[in-house]
Amino acid sequence: MLLGNYRDDEVPEEGFLVDKIKLLEQSLGNMSMTNLSIGELSEEEINKMLSFKFCLPVRYTRELAQLVYHKTRGHPLFVIAFMQSIIQRKLITFSVKARRWTWDDIAIELQIMSENVAEFLTEKFQQLPSDVIEMLKVASCFGQVNMSTIHLLDLGQFVPNMLESLESAVKEGIIERAGPIFAFSHDMLQESSYSRIPTDERKNLHKKIAMSLVQDQNVAENPELCTLAVDQINLCISMNCVLNPAECRLFAQLNLAAGKHSMFTKKSNYEQGQWVVLLYSGIIRALNSPSFCTIFSAQGYFEAGISLLHDKHWEKQYALSLELFEWSLVVSFMDGMIEAVSSRLDEILSNARSFDDTVNSRVLQANFLSSQERYADATRECLELLSKMGEDFPKEINASLVIDEIDAITPLLRSITKETILNLPVMTDKTKVSFM
């Protein structure tokens, strides 16, 4: 017996191999030849196979069959490989109590699609409708999108109906849907979709997506939407995308907002017990220290915002420049970037229009000096700040001076009780609060 196999989608119909097979059929004489064509298995066929193998009614195995089909697209070899994989991971076990095979649907659904299946789906791209391919190009710029983002993009500027095209991609197994979120089934599929965008067209697509997202008037207050928009435009910056002055200003402001959102978003991996000084609305506040990834992403947004400022930004965009540089100073301090801290401090102190505009930077400078164990310099900075507020302290302190101060303050405190002090009004001067 002679047995052979080949993939008909990789062999031309009029090619060498097919011609030889036809010739062999004609010359066999009394010998017989049987052709077995193995195509993709349907959900129903996979269900029958699982039902037979597990000795269970088909209604018990139907959901498992749907999962297997979704992860393998019904390719027989992939079905076998996937089943072997989930059995090895003990996601399918025999329950003595239930007296049958059982499985964890959620754990199986979370299994990553194999690269073989991803390659198989990638090869099918050319067979997809043009609208679906164009939608996949847009989706590849994100990786995953939710319904609110889709509604902003689904205005006909990319494809006639983005949601409909996404659903078609879901049916093909290229996109997976979990509630309101759509995501690529495999990184390879996203990379393949993105690579189909001509290199010289990518920056225009990123900009077009960003401009679609900022149509929402409350984009700056929406952390997710704001971050998505600036992520797209920042890719344009790296591609030397030309933005007009109004667009540069808009996305400089949105980068500032995105950086703040990144800093103040609650993360599960916050490091407890560590405290840092953060600037917010002109007030120094102590907050739990964010993770390195949070600081790194925030710094990226602030630096991108600075890069979008006007050449003469200290003259034409003073308030925006001051805030961006202050936040860049904060994250540089948190990340221990000494050179960046010094550079930002010099920039702010050299261009600030008033003493009040230097308050945040001067306070952080005192903290910076202290962190470097330059305590004498830090003390000198603090005393200078207090002097600017009309609270003068002597530069040199000795025992005689202390005695004189005690003699002067004692009569003032003689009739004052603890309750009197506790009932004093709260300090309202924000600048003084910052100093304290």
Protein backbone atom coordinates (compact mmCIF):
# COMPACT_ATOMS: atom_id res chain seq x y z
CA MET A 1 0.00 0.00 0.00
CA LEU A 2 1.28 3.43 -0.94
CA LEU A 3 0.05 6.36 1.20
CA GLY A 4 0.68 10.06 0.49
CA ASN A 5 -0.73 13.40 1.55
CA TYR A 6 -0.49 17.07 0.57
CA ARG A 7 -2.19 20.41 1.24
CA ASP A 8 -4.35 21.33 -1.71
CA ASP A 9 -4.16 25.06 -0.85
CA GLU A 10 -0.37 24.91 -1.32
CA VAL A 11 -0.33 22.90 -4.55
CA PRO A 12 -1.47 24.38 -7.90
CA GLU A 13 -4.31 22.50 -9.63
CA GLU A 14 -2.31 22.21 -12.86
CA GLY A 15 1.02 21.63 -11.19
CA PHE A 16 3.56 18.80 -11.28
CA LEU A 17 2.17 16.84 -8.31
CA VAL A 18 -1.46 16.82 -9.45
CA ASP A 19 -0.40 15.78 -12.98
CA LYS A 20 1.61 12.84 -11.57
CA ILE A 21 -1.33 11.70 -9.43
CA LYS A 22 -3.65 11.73 -12.45
CA LEU A 23 -1.07 9.78 -14.46
CA LEU A 24 -0.75 7.23 -11.64
CA GLU A 25 -4.54 6.75 -11.55
CA GLN A 26 -4.61 6.00 -15.28
CA SER A 27 -1.77 3.45 -15.14
CA LEU A 28 -2.90 1.42 -12.11
CA GLY A 29 -4.82 -1.19 -14.07
CA ASN A 30 -6.43 -3.62 -11.61
CA MET A 31 -5.16 -1.66 -8.60
CA SER A 32 -7.44 0.87 -6.89
CA MET A 33 -6.84 4.40 -5.67
CA THR A 34 -8.88 6.17 -3.00
CA ASN A 35 -8.81 9.93 -2.41
CA LEU A 36 -9.60 11.15 1.11
CA SER A 37 -10.28 14.86 1.40
CA ILE A 38 -9.97 16.18 4.96
CA GLY A 39 -11.45 19.64 5.35
CA GLU A 40 -12.25 21.83 8.33
CA LEU A 41 -14.47 20.28 10.97
CA SER A 42 -17.68 22.09 11.86
CA GLU A 43 -18.79 22.76 15.44
CA GLU A 44 -21.33 19.95 15.06
CA GLU A 45 -18.69 17.47 13.87
CA ILE A 46 -16.34 18.43 16.72
CA ASN A 47 -19.21 18.06 19.16
CA LYS A 48 -19.98 14.55 17.90
CA MET A 49 -16.31 13.63 18.19
CA LEU A 50 -16.05 14.92 21.78
CA SER A 51 -19.35 13.30 22.73
CA PHE A 52 -18.11 9.93 21.45
CA LYS A 53 -14.68 10.30 23.08
CA PHE A 54 -16.00 11.35 26.51
CA CYS A 55 -19.04 8.99 26.38
CA LEU A 56 -21.37 11.91 27.06
CA PRO A 57 -24.55 13.19 25.40
CA VAL A 58 -23.93 15.92 22.81
CA ARG A 59 -25.75 18.49 24.97
CA TYR A 60 -23.00 18.08 27.61
CA THR A 61 -20.15 18.70 25.17
CA ARG A 62 -21.70 21.45 23.04
CA GLU A 63 -20.08 24.42 24.85
CA LEU A 64 -16.68 22.69 24.86
CA ALA A 65 -17.03 22.03 21.13
CA GLN A 66 -17.73 25.74 20.53
CA LEU A 67 -14.56 26.68 22.43
CA VAL A 68 -12.45 24.13 20.57
CA TYR A 69 -13.79 25.30 17.20
CA HIS A 70 -13.16 28.94 18.11
CA LYS A 71 -9.53 28.23 19.08
CA THR A 72 -8.76 25.94 16.11
CA ARG A 73 -11.18 27.04 13.36
CA GLY A 74 -11.96 23.35 12.92
CA HIS A 75 -8.59 22.36 11.44
CA PRO A 76 -8.28 18.63 12.36
CA LEU A 77 -4.58 18.78 13.30
CA PHE A 78 -5.12 21.90 15.38
CA VAL A 79 -8.11 20.32 17.11
CA ILE A 80 -5.99 17.34 18.17
CA ALA A 81 -3.11 19.57 19.29
CA PHE A 82 -5.42 21.87 21.25
CA MET A 83 -7.16 18.97 23.00
CA GLN A 84 -3.79 17.47 23.95
CA SER A 85 -2.70 20.84 25.31
CA ILE A 86 -5.69 21.39 27.61
CA ILE A 87 -5.53 17.79 28.82
CA GLN A 88 -1.84 18.19 29.72
CA ARG A 89 -2.74 21.38 31.63
CA LYS A 90 -5.36 19.33 33.53
CA LEU A 91 -8.19 21.56 32.34
CA ILE A 92 -10.11 18.36 31.57
CA THR A 93 -10.31 15.85 34.42
CA PHE A 94 -12.43 12.89 35.42
CA SER A 95 -14.73 13.61 38.35
CA VAL A 96 -15.33 10.58 40.53
CA LYS A 97 -18.19 12.39 42.25
CA ALA A 98 -19.97 13.30 39.00
CA ARG A 99 -18.83 10.01 37.37
CA ARG A 100 -17.92 11.75 34.13
CA TRP A 101 -15.33 13.95 32.47
CA THR A 102 -15.53 17.64 33.47
CA TRP A 103 -13.72 20.78 32.33
CA ASP A 104 -13.20 24.46 33.18
CA ASP A 105 -14.83 26.48 30.38
CA ILE A 106 -13.37 29.81 31.54
CA ALA A 107 -9.80 28.49 31.83
CA ILE A 108 -10.05 26.86 28.38
CA GLU A 109 -11.39 30.07 26.86
CA LEU A 110 -8.39 31.96 28.27
CA GLN A 111 -5.93 29.65 26.52
CA ILE A 112 -3.87 31.56 23.95
CA MET A 113 -4.44 30.66 20.33
CA SER A 114 -1.49 28.71 18.94
CA GLU A 115 0.82 30.30 16.37
CA ASN A 116 -0.14 27.60 13.84
CA VAL A 117 -3.78 28.70 14.01
CA ALA A 118 -2.73 32.36 13.83
CA GLU A 119 -0.66 31.61 10.70
CA PHE A 120 -3.61 29.74 9.25
CA LEU A 121 -5.91 32.72 9.85
CA THR A 122 -3.32 35.15 8.49
CA GLU A 123 -3.29 33.24 5.20
CA LYS A 124 -7.07 33.77 4.97
CA PHE A 125 -6.72 37.59 5.04
CA GLN A 126 -6.81 37.86 1.26
CA GLN A 127 -10.16 36.09 1.21
CA LEU A 128 -11.79 38.64 3.54
CA PRO A 129 -14.00 41.48 2.25
CA SER A 130 -12.18 44.79 1.73
CA ASP A 131 -14.19 46.50 4.51
CA VAL A 132 -13.08 43.88 7.03
CA ILE A 133 -9.43 44.23 5.97
CA GLU A 134 -9.59 48.04 6.32
CA MET A 135 -11.23 47.68 9.73
CA LEU A 136 -8.47 45.29 10.84
CA LYS A 137 -5.87 47.90 9.84
CA VAL A 138 -7.56 50.48 12.07
CA ALA A 139 -7.98 47.98 14.93
CA SER A 140 -4.30 46.98 14.68
CA CYS A 141 -3.36 50.53 15.71
CA PHE A 142 -4.99 49.82 19.08
CA GLY A 143 -4.73 46.10 19.77
CA GLN A 144 -8.08 46.22 21.51
CA VAL A 145 -11.03 48.62 21.40
CA ASN A 146 -14.26 48.99 23.34
CA MET A 147 -17.73 50.00 22.22
CA SER A 148 -17.40 53.68 23.22
CA THR A 149 -14.26 54.02 21.07
CA ILE A 150 -15.93 52.19 18.20
CA HIS A 151 -18.85 54.65 18.25
CA LEU A 152 -16.42 57.58 17.87
CA LEU A 153 -14.60 55.86 15.01
CA ASP A 154 -17.72 54.45 13.34
CA LEU A 155 -18.64 57.57 11.40
CA GLY A 156 -17.87 56.20 7.94
CA GLN A 157 -14.42 57.76 7.68
CA PHE A 158 -12.69 54.36 7.86
CA VAL A 159 -15.27 51.75 6.79
CA PRO A 160 -19.04 52.07 6.21
CA ASN A 161 -19.90 50.07 9.36
CA MET A 162 -17.06 49.31 11.75
CA LEU A 163 -19.13 47.29 14.22
CA GLU A 164 -20.47 45.07 11.45
CA SER A 165 -16.92 44.53 10.12
CA LEU A 166 -15.69 43.68 13.63
CA GLU A 167 -18.44 41.09 14.02
CA SER A 168 -17.38 39.54 10.70
CA ALA A 169 -13.80 39.30 11.99
CA VAL A 170 -15.11 37.67 15.18
CA LYS A 171 -16.85 34.99 13.10
CA GLU A 172 -13.57 34.35 11.28
CA GLY A 173 -11.75 33.96 14.63
CA ILE A 174 -9.37 36.88 13.97
CA ILE A 175 -11.01 39.08 16.62
CA GLU A 176 -12.30 37.95 20.00
CA ARG A 177 -15.09 39.71 21.86
CA ALA A 178 -15.45 39.88 25.64
CA GLY A 179 -18.49 42.00 26.50
CA PRO A 180 -17.88 45.51 25.11
CA ILE A 181 -14.20 44.84 24.28
CA PHE A 182 -12.84 43.58 20.95
CA ALA A 183 -9.25 42.29 20.75
CA PHE A 184 -7.09 40.32 18.32
CA SER A 185 -7.01 36.58 19.00
CA HIS A 186 -3.23 36.52 18.66
CA ASP A 187 -0.42 39.09 18.51
CA MET A 188 0.61 37.65 15.16
CA LEU A 189 -2.77 38.63 13.70
CA GLN A 190 -2.39 42.20 14.95
CA GLU A 191 1.15 42.43 13.57
CA SER A 192 0.03 41.03 10.24
CA SER A 193 -2.85 43.54 10.04
CA TYR A 194 -0.57 46.46 10.90
CA SER A 195 2.08 45.38 8.38
CA ARG A 196 -0.57 45.66 5.64
CA ILE A 197 -0.66 49.44 6.15
CA PRO A 198 1.93 51.01 3.78
CA THR A 199 4.70 52.61 5.85
CA ASP A 200 4.19 56.07 4.33
CA GLU A 201 0.45 55.93 5.19
CA ARG A 202 0.77 54.91 8.85
CA LYS A 203 1.30 58.37 10.32
CA ASN A 204 -1.74 59.70 8.43
CA LEU A 205 -3.88 56.84 9.74
CA HIS A 206 -2.71 57.39 13.34
CA LYS A 207 -3.46 61.12 13.03
CA LYS A 208 -6.86 60.44 11.48
CA ILE A 209 -7.74 58.09 14.35
CA ALA A 210 -6.57 60.63 16.95
CA MET A 211 -8.61 63.43 15.37
CA SER A 212 -11.68 61.18 15.41
CA LEU A 213 -11.24 60.45 19.13
CA VAL A 214 -10.87 64.11 20.16
CA GLN A 215 -14.28 64.97 18.73
CA ASP A 216 -15.60 64.25 22.23
CA GLN A 217 -15.68 67.61 24.05
CA ASN A 218 -14.83 65.94 27.38
CA VAL A 219 -11.87 63.99 26.03
CA ALA A 220 -9.41 65.58 28.50
CA GLU A 221 -11.54 64.47 31.49
CA ASN A 222 -11.95 60.93 30.15
CA PRO A 223 -8.78 58.98 31.16
CA GLU A 224 -9.25 56.10 28.70
CA LEU A 225 -10.24 58.21 25.70
CA CYS A 226 -7.58 60.86 26.38
CA THR A 227 -4.87 58.20 26.61
CA LEU A 228 -6.01 56.49 23.40
CA ALA A 229 -5.96 59.78 21.47
CA VAL A 230 -2.49 60.88 22.59
CA ASP A 231 -1.06 57.38 22.10
CA GLN A 232 -2.08 57.66 18.44
CA ILE A 233 -0.77 61.20 17.93
CA ASN A 234 2.49 60.43 19.75
CA LEU A 235 3.15 57.71 17.18
CA CYS A 236 2.82 60.45 14.57
CA ILE A 237 5.41 62.56 16.41
CA SER A 238 7.93 59.72 16.17
CA MET A 239 7.14 59.50 12.45
CA ASN A 240 7.79 63.23 11.93
CA CYS A 241 4.12 63.91 11.34
CA VAL A 242 3.35 67.53 10.47
CA LEU A 243 0.70 69.05 12.76
CA ASN A 244 -0.55 72.61 12.43
CA PRO A 245 -0.03 74.98 15.42
CA ALA A 246 -3.60 74.54 16.72
CA GLU A 247 -3.26 70.73 16.65
CA CYS A 248 0.12 70.91 18.38
CA ARG A 249 -1.36 72.99 21.19
CA LEU A 250 -4.38 70.68 21.53
CA PHE A 251 -2.30 67.52 21.82
CA ALA A 252 0.24 69.20 24.12
CA GLN A 253 -2.69 69.88 26.49
CA LEU A 254 -4.02 66.34 26.08
CA ASN A 255 -0.57 64.86 26.76
CA LEU A 256 -0.52 66.88 29.98
CA ALA A 257 -3.96 65.49 30.90
CA ALA A 258 -2.95 61.92 29.98
CA GLY A 259 0.17 62.19 32.13
CA LYS A 260 -1.90 63.34 35.10
CA HIS A 261 -4.40 60.53 34.56
CA SER A 262 -1.52 58.06 34.49
CA MET A 263 -0.11 59.44 37.76
CA PHE A 264 -3.40 59.45 39.64
CA THR A 265 -4.87 56.20 38.33
CA LYS A 266 -5.14 53.68 41.16
CA LYS A 267 -2.94 50.69 40.46
CA SER A 268 -3.08 47.35 42.22
CA ASN A 269 0.72 47.26 42.38
CA TYR A 270 1.21 50.53 44.27
CA GLU A 271 4.10 50.24 46.65
CA GLN A 272 2.63 50.71 50.11
CA GLY A 273 4.47 52.75 52.71
CA GLN A 274 6.53 54.82 50.26
CA TRP A 275 5.64 58.48 50.01
CA VAL A 276 6.58 61.02 47.41
CA VAL A 277 5.83 64.67 46.86
CA LEU A 278 3.53 65.41 43.93
CA LEU A 279 2.41 68.71 42.47
CA TYR A 280 -1.27 69.19 41.80
CA SER A 281 -3.23 72.45 41.40
CA GLY A 282 -0.39 74.40 42.98
CA ILE A 283 -0.46 72.33 46.18
CA ILE A 284 2.09 69.82 47.39
CA ARG A 285 0.36 66.56 48.22
CA ALA A 286 1.74 63.30 49.53
CA LEU A 287 0.49 60.25 47.68
CA ASN A 288 1.33 56.57 47.60
CA SER A 289 4.19 56.01 45.19
CA PRO A 290 3.03 54.64 41.81
CA SER A 291 4.80 51.75 40.13
CA PHE A 292 7.76 52.30 37.81
CA CYS A 293 5.56 51.58 34.75
CA THR A 294 3.11 54.31 35.80
CA ILE A 295 5.93 56.86 36.27
CA PHE A 296 7.53 55.84 32.97
CA SER A 297 4.30 56.22 30.98
CA ALA A 298 3.51 59.57 32.64
CA GLN A 299 6.98 60.86 31.84
CA GLY A 300 6.46 59.85 28.21
CA TYR A 301 3.27 61.91 28.01
CA PHE A 302 4.83 65.00 29.63
CA GLU A 303 7.87 64.84 27.35
CA ALA A 304 5.65 64.41 24.28
CA GLY A 305 3.64 67.44 25.39
CA ILE A 306 6.82 69.49 25.74
CA SER A 307 7.97 68.44 22.27
CA LEU A 308 4.68 69.81 20.83
CA LEU A 309 5.10 73.26 22.36
CA HIS A 310 5.75 76.35 20.23
CA ASP A 311 9.40 77.33 19.61
CA LYS A 312 8.77 80.42 21.77
CA HIS A 313 6.50 78.59 24.17
CA TRP A 314 7.55 80.56 27.30
CA GLU A 315 6.25 83.67 25.54
CA LYS A 316 3.23 82.30 23.68
CA GLN A 317 2.16 79.30 25.84
CA TYR A 318 3.37 80.30 29.29
CA ALA A 319 0.78 78.59 31.54
CA LEU A 320 0.85 75.31 29.55
CA SER A 321 4.67 75.34 29.48
CA LEU A 322 4.94 75.94 33.21
CA GLU A 323 2.60 73.06 34.06
CA LEU A 324 4.23 70.60 31.66
CA PHE A 325 7.72 71.40 32.93
CA GLU A 326 6.58 71.18 36.57
CA TRP A 327 5.09 67.72 36.02
CA SER A 328 8.16 66.59 34.09
CA LEU A 329 10.20 67.80 37.06
CA VAL A 330 8.05 65.77 39.47
CA VAL A 331 8.35 62.45 37.62
CA SER A 332 12.08 63.02 37.02
CA PHE A 333 12.49 63.50 40.77
CA MET A 334 10.48 60.34 41.50
CA ASP A 335 12.53 58.34 39.03
CA GLY A 336 15.86 59.63 40.40
CA MET A 337 16.86 61.30 37.12
CA ILE A 338 19.28 63.84 38.63
CA GLU A 339 20.33 65.50 35.38
CA ALA A 340 16.72 65.87 34.21
CA VAL A 341 15.70 67.37 37.58
CA SER A 342 18.49 69.96 37.39
CA SER A 343 17.65 70.78 33.78
CA ARG A 344 13.92 71.24 34.47
CA LEU A 345 14.58 73.34 37.59
CA ASP A 346 16.89 75.66 35.64
CA GLU A 347 14.34 75.98 32.83
CA ILE A 348 11.48 76.87 35.17
CA LEU A 349 13.40 79.23 37.46
CA SER A 350 14.90 81.01 34.43
CA ASN A 351 11.55 81.63 32.72
CA ALA A 352 9.02 82.01 35.55
CA ARG A 353 7.30 85.41 35.43
CA SER A 354 6.71 85.72 39.18
CA PHE A 355 7.87 84.34 42.50
CA ASP A 356 4.53 82.56 42.99
CA ASP A 357 5.11 80.65 39.74
CA THR A 358 8.36 79.26 41.19
CA VAL A 359 6.82 78.07 44.47
CA ASN A 360 6.26 74.45 43.43
CA SER A 361 9.69 74.17 41.84
CA ARG A 362 11.48 75.75 44.79
CA VAL A 363 9.77 73.43 47.26
CA LEU A 364 10.69 70.43 45.12
CA GLN A 365 14.25 71.77 44.84
CA ALA A 366 14.51 71.71 48.65
CA ASN A 367 13.32 68.08 48.61
CA PHE A 368 15.76 67.29 45.83
CA LEU A 369 18.70 68.76 47.76
CA SER A 370 17.65 66.82 50.86
CA SER A 371 17.41 63.56 48.88
CA GLN A 372 21.06 64.07 47.89
CA GLU A 373 21.98 64.58 51.57
CA ARG A 374 22.81 68.23 50.88
CA TYR A 375 21.03 69.23 54.08
CA ALA A 376 22.76 72.61 54.53
CA ASP A 377 21.71 73.66 51.01
CA ALA A 378 18.17 72.34 51.60
CA THR A 379 17.89 74.26 54.86
CA ARG A 380 19.17 77.43 53.20
CA GLU A 381 16.55 77.02 50.42
CA CYS A 382 13.75 76.56 52.98
CA LEU A 383 14.79 79.62 54.98
CA GLU A 384 14.96 81.70 51.80
CA LEU A 385 11.44 80.58 50.85
CA LEU A 386 10.10 81.51 54.28
CA SER A 387 11.85 84.86 54.08
CA LYS A 388 10.07 85.57 50.78
CA MET A 389 6.80 85.00 52.67
CA GLY A 390 7.75 87.53 55.34
CA GLU A 391 8.80 84.92 57.90
CA ASP A 392 12.44 85.76 58.59
CA PHE A 393 14.64 83.41 60.58
CA PRO A 394 18.20 84.17 61.70
CA LYS A 395 20.88 82.45 59.64
CA GLU A 396 23.02 81.76 62.69
CA ILE A 397 21.50 80.44 65.93
CA ASN A 398 23.17 80.48 69.37
CA ALA A 399 22.10 79.96 73.00
CA SER A 400 21.74 83.68 73.70
CA LEU A 401 19.37 84.12 70.76
CA VAL A 402 17.24 81.18 71.89
CA ILE A 403 16.95 82.59 75.41
CA ASP A 404 15.85 85.98 74.03
CA GLU A 405 13.18 84.31 71.87
CA ILE A 406 11.85 82.29 74.83
CA ASP A 407 11.68 85.45 76.97
CA ALA A 408 9.76 87.23 74.20
CA ILE A 409 7.22 84.44 73.53
CA THR A 410 6.50 83.44 77.16
CA PRO A 411 4.25 86.45 78.00
CA LEU A 412 2.27 85.90 74.77
CA LEU A 413 1.53 82.27 75.61
CA ARG A 414 0.70 82.84 79.31
CA SER A 415 -3.07 83.20 78.73
CA ILE A 416 -3.33 80.81 75.74
CA THR A 417 -4.60 77.25 76.27
CA LYS A 418 -4.34 74.15 74.14
CA GLU A 419 -8.02 74.56 73.18
CA THR A 420 -7.34 78.12 72.02
CA ILE A 421 -4.66 76.88 69.62
CA LEU A 422 -6.82 74.00 68.34
CA ASN A 423 -9.69 76.39 67.64
CA LEU A 424 -7.61 78.75 65.52
CA PRO A 425 -8.82 79.02 61.87
CA VAL A 426 -7.24 76.71 59.29
CA MET A 427 -4.55 78.28 57.12
CA THR A 428 -6.05 79.22 53.73
CA ASP A 429 -2.96 80.64 51.99
CA LYS A 430 -2.09 77.80 49.58
CA THR A 431 1.43 79.05 49.07
CA LYS A 432 2.13 79.00 52.80
CA VAL A 433 0.55 75.56 53.06
CA SER A 434 2.97 74.39 50.37
CA PHE A 435 5.92 75.83 52.26
CA MET A 436 4.87 74.15 55.49
